[in-house]
Amino acid sequence: MYTEPIFLKPVFKERIWGGSKLNEMFGYDIPHYKTGEAWVISAHQNGPSLIENGPLRGMTLRQAWKAHPELFGKGTSDNIGDFPLLVKILDANDNLSVQVHPDDLYARNIEGESYGKTECWYVLDCEPGAEIIFGHYAKSADEFIDMVKKGQWDVLLKKVKVNKGDFFYVPSGKIHAIGKGIVILETQQSSDITYRVFDYDRVVASGNSRELHLDKALDVVTFPDDEAILHQQEKQMADMSSTQLIKEKYFTVYSWQLSGNVNTPLKKGYLLISVINGDGEIVVGEKSYSIRKGNHFIVPATIDGYTLYGDMDLIVSHE
């Protein structure tokens, strides 16, 4: 029986809009001054996390998912497909492109990928006045195309100011963009499909503009824009406050604030856990594992009970 939390090493991605806050905030040894993303819990082929401890040390999460389905509450005879979730931290040192993602059906039929991309954001930090693009005002595809052709971005795009601790649900089909000066933790389907609609006329090192994907974007954009209503639930568990930020088809996400200890928090098969502030420990049986801000790990389904100690904030998710 596997009775250890599975600690994971982030995979870093250079981005034209990236910066250095992943080092400044979390102490990560980033490879470039424009590091935009840390894929912190990932089994995606474009950046699988490496397991850092225990018998599976040196194996990727992608490999462990296939070789040890019992860790994730799956049977050896189950057709488990690909690992369903991907957790990232993004440093938007500049505006991200205005973009949209497809749903599962479109991703499978057009891109040959297992999953579309529905995601959600927890704002870890932001500069004063920072804002996101979150939806559009077009009532139809024709109106959308007309505004795009005329460059009426200020008329077309909805903008929302953000604060630290804000949470946003971004379903497939939702036009969106993270704005300059925002650091978020993103929980999403395990997909790397993005259709750019507008990129501020930026150019890459070659001097060329980045590719846009207007035709595919129009295939998947929701008309009219839909505003999801979140029904968040709070619960006190010993010394921990738990807020269910969202529960939907692809994932359930919680914010935990711990000051003291709690025995066996909410457990649904396996849990993905990110420490976003503070430090403490997780105790399984007679073994204790130190955890601190910037750590990311999985509590496998083979662990029946555990205790958390410390003063820390965590973002937790499960499928």
Protein backbone atom coordinates (compact mmCIF):
# COMPACT_ATOMS: atom_id res chain seq x y z
CA MET A 1 0.00 0.00 0.00
CA TYR A 2 1.39 3.41 -1.03
CA THR A 3 1.11 5.73 1.98
CA GLU A 4 3.10 8.84 1.04
CA PRO A 5 2.00 12.15 -0.41
CA ILE A 6 3.40 12.52 -3.93
CA PHE A 7 5.50 15.71 -4.20
CA LEU A 8 5.95 17.19 -7.66
CA LYS A 9 8.55 19.40 -9.32
CA PRO A 10 7.19 22.32 -11.38
CA VAL A 11 7.78 22.57 -15.13
CA PHE A 12 8.52 26.15 -16.24
CA LYS A 13 7.43 27.79 -19.48
CA GLU A 14 8.93 30.91 -21.02
CA ARG A 15 6.25 33.28 -22.31
CA ILE A 16 6.38 36.61 -24.14
CA TRP A 17 4.26 38.08 -21.32
CA GLY A 18 6.14 36.35 -18.46
CA GLY A 19 8.30 37.82 -15.69
CA SER A 20 10.23 36.89 -12.56
CA LYS A 21 7.54 36.75 -9.86
CA LEU A 22 7.58 32.96 -9.73
CA ASN A 23 11.07 33.37 -8.26
CA GLU A 24 10.22 36.38 -6.11
CA MET A 25 7.03 34.94 -4.63
CA PHE A 26 7.86 31.23 -4.39
CA GLY A 27 11.65 31.00 -4.59
CA TYR A 28 11.52 28.86 -7.72
CA ASP A 29 14.74 28.60 -9.71
CA ILE A 30 13.19 29.88 -12.92
CA PRO A 31 15.12 29.40 -16.18
CA HIS A 32 14.38 32.79 -17.77
CA TYR A 33 13.45 36.35 -16.81
CA LYS A 34 10.28 35.93 -18.87
CA THR A 35 9.00 32.79 -17.17
CA GLY A 36 5.24 33.00 -17.47
CA GLU A 37 4.03 29.62 -16.25
CA ALA A 38 4.86 26.94 -13.73
CA TRP A 39 3.01 23.71 -14.47
CA VAL A 40 2.97 22.54 -10.87
CA ILE A 41 0.74 19.46 -11.09
CA SER A 42 0.81 18.16 -14.63
CA ALA A 43 0.58 14.89 -16.52
CA HIS A 44 0.21 16.64 -19.87
CA GLN A 45 2.61 15.49 -22.57
CA ASN A 46 3.79 19.09 -23.11
CA GLY A 47 5.14 19.34 -19.57
CA PRO A 48 4.70 16.42 -17.17
CA SER A 49 5.69 16.96 -13.52
CA LEU A 50 8.49 14.88 -12.04
CA ILE A 51 7.84 13.00 -8.79
CA GLU A 52 10.40 14.05 -6.15
CA ASN A 53 9.97 11.50 -3.36
CA GLY A 54 9.19 7.94 -2.39
CA PRO A 55 9.28 4.74 -4.45
CA LEU A 56 8.11 6.60 -7.57
CA ARG A 57 10.85 9.24 -7.40
CA GLY A 58 12.11 10.11 -10.88
CA MET A 59 8.92 8.94 -12.56
CA THR A 60 6.66 11.52 -14.20
CA LEU A 61 3.09 11.97 -13.05
CA ARG A 62 2.05 10.92 -16.54
CA GLN A 63 3.88 7.61 -16.11
CA ALA A 64 2.54 7.06 -12.59
CA TRP A 65 -1.05 7.64 -13.76
CA LYS A 66 -0.69 4.84 -16.31
CA ALA A 67 1.42 2.43 -14.24
CA HIS A 68 -0.31 2.82 -10.85
CA PRO A 69 -4.01 3.56 -11.36
CA GLU A 70 -4.73 2.43 -7.79
CA LEU A 71 -3.09 5.65 -6.52
CA PHE A 72 -5.94 7.55 -8.17
CA GLY A 73 -8.79 5.28 -7.14
CA LYS A 74 -8.85 3.45 -10.48
CA GLY A 75 -8.82 -0.26 -11.20
CA THR A 76 -6.26 -1.95 -13.44
CA SER A 77 -9.05 -2.93 -15.84
CA ASP A 78 -10.47 0.60 -16.05
CA ASN A 79 -10.06 2.59 -19.26
CA ILE A 80 -8.67 5.61 -17.42
CA GLY A 81 -7.62 7.69 -20.43
CA ASP A 82 -5.43 10.71 -19.66
CA PHE A 83 -4.95 12.41 -16.30
CA PRO A 84 -7.85 14.87 -16.19
CA LEU A 85 -6.48 17.97 -14.42
CA LEU A 86 -3.62 20.44 -14.72
CA VAL A 87 -2.62 23.03 -12.10
CA LYS A 88 -0.51 26.06 -13.07
CA ILE A 89 0.77 29.28 -11.58
CA LEU A 90 0.90 32.15 -14.09
CA ASP A 91 2.89 35.38 -13.80
CA ALA A 92 1.37 37.98 -16.13
CA ASN A 93 4.13 40.57 -16.34
CA ASP A 94 2.24 41.83 -19.41
CA ASN A 95 -1.24 41.27 -20.82
CA LEU A 96 -1.97 37.79 -22.08
CA SER A 97 -3.60 37.44 -25.48
CA VAL A 98 -7.38 37.63 -25.72
CA GLN A 99 -8.31 34.00 -26.21
CA VAL A 100 -10.85 31.22 -25.98
CA HIS A 101 -10.71 27.44 -25.51
CA PRO A 102 -12.77 24.61 -27.03
CA ASP A 103 -14.97 22.08 -25.26
CA ASP A 104 -14.27 18.34 -25.16
CA LEU A 105 -16.18 17.49 -28.32
CA TYR A 106 -14.43 20.11 -30.45
CA ALA A 107 -11.03 19.22 -28.99
CA ARG A 108 -11.51 15.55 -29.85
CA ASN A 109 -13.01 16.04 -33.31
CA ILE A 110 -10.84 18.92 -34.56
CA GLU A 111 -7.60 18.73 -32.57
CA GLY A 112 -7.45 15.02 -31.78
CA GLU A 113 -6.96 15.84 -28.08
CA SER A 114 -8.59 14.10 -25.11
CA TYR A 115 -9.89 17.23 -23.40
CA GLY A 116 -11.10 20.71 -24.12
CA LYS A 117 -10.23 23.43 -21.68
CA THR A 118 -12.48 24.64 -18.92
CA GLU A 119 -10.49 26.39 -16.20
CA CYS A 120 -10.71 28.53 -13.08
CA TRP A 121 -8.46 31.17 -11.51
CA TYR A 122 -7.55 32.05 -7.95
CA VAL A 123 -5.80 35.45 -7.78
CA LEU A 124 -2.63 35.04 -5.71
CA ASP A 125 -1.44 38.63 -6.14
CA CYS A 126 -2.09 41.68 -8.30
CA GLU A 127 -0.99 45.24 -8.79
CA PRO A 128 -3.43 48.07 -7.88
CA GLY A 129 -5.97 48.58 -10.65
CA ALA A 130 -5.15 45.29 -12.38
CA GLU A 131 -7.93 43.87 -14.52
CA ILE A 132 -8.88 40.88 -16.61
CA ILE A 133 -10.88 40.52 -19.80
CA PHE A 134 -13.81 38.33 -18.91
CA GLY A 135 -16.36 37.92 -21.67
CA HIS A 136 -17.68 40.02 -24.55
CA TYR A 137 -20.68 42.19 -25.46
CA ALA A 138 -21.47 40.79 -28.92
CA LYS A 139 -24.96 39.29 -29.26
CA SER A 140 -24.07 37.13 -32.28
CA ALA A 141 -21.16 35.82 -34.31
CA ASP A 142 -21.85 38.41 -37.03
CA GLU A 143 -21.69 41.26 -34.54
CA PHE A 144 -18.52 39.79 -33.04
CA ILE A 145 -16.84 39.55 -36.47
CA ASP A 146 -17.88 43.11 -37.33
CA MET A 147 -16.34 44.50 -34.14
CA VAL A 148 -13.14 42.49 -34.65
CA LYS A 149 -12.79 43.75 -38.24
CA LYS A 150 -13.24 47.34 -37.06
CA GLY A 151 -10.78 46.85 -34.19
CA GLN A 152 -13.43 47.85 -31.66
CA TRP A 153 -11.81 45.95 -28.82
CA ASP A 154 -12.80 48.45 -26.12
CA VAL A 155 -16.44 48.11 -27.19
CA LEU A 156 -16.35 44.32 -27.65
CA LEU A 157 -14.50 43.11 -24.55
CA LYS A 158 -15.71 43.09 -20.96
CA LYS A 159 -13.12 44.19 -18.39
CA VAL A 160 -13.21 43.38 -14.67
CA LYS A 161 -10.92 44.77 -11.97
CA VAL A 162 -9.44 42.13 -9.67
CA ASN A 163 -8.16 41.88 -6.11
CA LYS A 164 -6.03 39.34 -4.30
CA GLY A 165 -8.17 36.34 -3.32
CA ASP A 166 -10.70 36.75 -6.13
CA PHE A 167 -11.89 33.61 -7.91
CA PHE A 168 -13.13 33.25 -11.49
CA TYR A 169 -14.68 30.33 -13.37
CA VAL A 170 -13.74 30.28 -17.07
CA PRO A 171 -15.70 27.64 -19.01
CA SER A 172 -14.81 26.63 -22.56
CA GLY A 173 -16.23 29.18 -25.00
CA LYS A 174 -15.56 32.13 -22.67
CA ILE A 175 -13.48 34.97 -24.15
CA HIS A 176 -10.85 35.93 -21.57
CA ALA A 177 -7.39 37.28 -20.86
CA ILE A 178 -5.31 37.72 -17.72
CA GLY A 179 -4.12 41.31 -17.40
CA LYS A 180 -0.72 42.76 -16.61
CA GLY A 181 0.39 42.60 -12.99
CA ILE A 182 -1.65 39.54 -11.97
CA VAL A 183 -0.40 36.23 -10.58
CA ILE A 184 -2.94 33.42 -10.53
CA LEU A 185 -3.22 29.77 -9.65
CA GLU A 186 -5.15 28.06 -12.42
CA THR A 187 -6.95 24.73 -12.12
CA GLN A 188 -8.00 23.41 -15.52
CA GLN A 189 -8.68 20.40 -17.64
CA SER A 190 -5.47 18.82 -18.85
CA SER A 191 -5.36 20.62 -22.19
CA ASP A 192 -2.97 22.94 -24.00
CA ILE A 193 -5.35 24.20 -26.70
CA THR A 194 -5.65 27.98 -27.00
CA TYR A 195 -7.22 30.02 -29.80
CA ARG A 196 -5.93 33.61 -29.87
CA VAL A 197 -8.36 36.31 -30.91
CA PHE A 198 -6.20 39.40 -30.32
CA ASP A 199 -2.60 39.85 -29.20
CA TYR A 200 -2.05 43.64 -29.07
CA ASP A 201 -0.05 43.45 -32.34
CA ARG A 202 2.96 42.06 -30.47
CA VAL A 203 5.86 40.52 -32.34
CA VAL A 204 8.18 37.67 -31.33
CA ALA A 205 11.98 37.60 -31.68
CA SER A 206 11.71 36.77 -35.38
CA GLY A 207 9.86 40.04 -35.94
CA ASN A 208 6.61 38.27 -36.84
CA SER A 209 3.29 38.65 -35.08
CA ARG A 210 2.03 35.68 -33.09
CA GLU A 211 -0.50 33.54 -34.92
CA LEU A 212 -4.19 34.26 -34.39
CA HIS A 213 -6.90 31.59 -34.67
CA LEU A 214 -10.06 33.55 -35.50
CA ASP A 215 -11.81 30.83 -37.50
CA LYS A 216 -11.50 28.22 -34.76
CA ALA A 217 -12.27 30.82 -32.09
CA LEU A 218 -15.55 31.67 -33.81
CA ASP A 219 -16.41 27.96 -33.87
CA VAL A 220 -16.24 27.77 -30.07
CA VAL A 221 -17.11 31.22 -28.65
CA THR A 222 -20.34 31.32 -26.65
CA PHE A 223 -23.02 33.77 -27.95
CA PRO A 224 -24.30 35.67 -26.12
CA ASP A 225 -21.68 35.72 -23.38
CA ASP A 226 -22.82 33.70 -20.36
CA GLU A 227 -22.09 34.77 -16.79
CA ALA A 228 -21.88 31.77 -14.45
CA ILE A 229 -23.23 32.21 -10.92
CA LEU A 230 -20.98 30.62 -8.30
CA HIS A 231 -22.49 29.02 -5.21
CA GLN A 232 -19.59 28.91 -2.77
CA GLN A 233 -19.89 27.02 0.48
CA GLU A 234 -17.91 27.55 3.68
CA LYS A 235 -17.30 24.96 6.38
CA GLN A 236 -15.27 24.98 9.59
CA MET A 237 -13.33 21.79 10.29
CA ALA A 238 -11.41 21.89 13.60
CA ASP A 239 -8.74 24.60 13.07
CA MET A 240 -9.37 24.88 9.33
CA SER A 241 -11.80 26.95 7.33
CA SER A 242 -12.74 25.31 4.02
CA THR A 243 -14.44 27.21 1.18
CA GLN A 244 -15.74 25.25 -1.77
CA LEU A 245 -14.97 27.72 -4.55
CA ILE A 246 -16.61 25.71 -7.30
CA LYS A 247 -18.09 22.30 -7.95
CA GLU A 248 -18.77 21.49 -11.59
CA LYS A 249 -18.44 18.77 -14.23
CA TYR A 250 -14.65 18.70 -14.51
CA PHE A 251 -13.34 19.69 -11.10
CA THR A 252 -14.14 20.75 -7.57
CA VAL A 253 -11.85 23.37 -6.04
CA TYR A 254 -11.45 24.47 -2.41
CA SER A 255 -9.60 27.15 -0.51
CA TRP A 256 -8.33 25.95 2.86
CA GLN A 257 -7.06 28.26 5.61
CA LEU A 258 -5.40 26.35 8.43
CA SER A 259 -4.26 27.73 11.77
CA GLY A 260 -3.52 24.77 14.04
CA ASN A 261 -4.37 21.24 12.97
CA VAL A 262 -7.08 19.24 11.30
CA ASN A 263 -7.44 15.48 11.00
CA THR A 264 -8.41 13.95 7.66
CA PRO A 265 -9.89 16.87 5.70
CA LEU A 266 -12.42 16.32 2.96
CA LYS A 267 -11.18 13.41 0.82
CA LYS A 268 -12.50 12.49 -2.61
CA GLY A 269 -10.38 9.70 -4.05
CA TYR A 270 -7.16 11.62 -4.61
CA LEU A 271 -6.50 15.30 -3.91
CA LEU A 272 -4.28 17.86 -5.63
CA ILE A 273 -2.87 20.31 -3.07
CA SER A 274 -0.93 23.56 -3.55
CA VAL A 275 0.50 25.51 -0.61
CA ILE A 276 0.05 29.17 -1.53
CA ASN A 277 1.07 30.72 1.78
CA GLY A 278 2.68 29.73 5.09
CA ASP A 279 4.12 26.38 6.15
CA GLY A 280 3.39 23.30 8.18
CA GLU A 281 3.39 19.53 7.84
CA ILE A 282 1.28 16.63 6.67
CA VAL A 283 1.36 13.52 8.87
CA VAL A 284 0.46 10.11 7.49
CA GLY A 285 0.65 7.32 10.05
CA GLU A 286 3.94 7.78 11.89
CA LYS A 287 5.61 9.80 9.12
CA SER A 288 5.69 13.58 8.90
CA TYR A 289 6.39 15.61 5.76
CA SER A 290 7.24 19.32 5.90
CA ILE A 291 5.31 21.53 3.49
CA ARG A 292 5.64 25.23 2.71
CA LYS A 293 4.59 27.92 0.28
CA GLY A 294 5.36 26.79 -3.25
CA ASN A 295 4.98 23.05 -2.59
CA HIS A 296 2.54 21.01 -4.66
CA PHE A 297 1.59 17.42 -3.99
CA ILE A 298 -1.03 14.73 -4.44
CA VAL A 299 -2.65 12.84 -1.60
CA PRO A 300 -3.22 9.45 -3.31
CA ALA A 301 -6.40 7.43 -2.91
CA THR A 302 -4.41 4.76 -1.04
CA ILE A 303 -4.02 7.08 1.99
CA ASP A 304 -6.98 6.56 4.32
CA GLY A 305 -6.21 9.27 6.85
CA TYR A 306 -3.82 12.13 7.45
CA THR A 307 -3.41 15.24 9.58
CA LEU A 308 -2.37 18.75 8.60
CA TYR A 309 -0.51 21.02 11.04
CA GLY A 310 0.59 24.61 10.65
CA ASP A 311 -0.41 28.09 9.59
CA MET A 312 -0.97 28.01 5.85
CA ASP A 313 -3.33 28.58 2.96
CA LEU A 314 -3.92 25.86 0.38
CA ILE A 315 -5.78 25.43 -2.89
CA VAL A 316 -7.15 21.91 -3.19
CA SER A 317 -8.90 20.19 -6.08
CA HIS A 318 -10.19 16.84 -7.30
CA GLU A 319 -11.96 15.57 -10.38
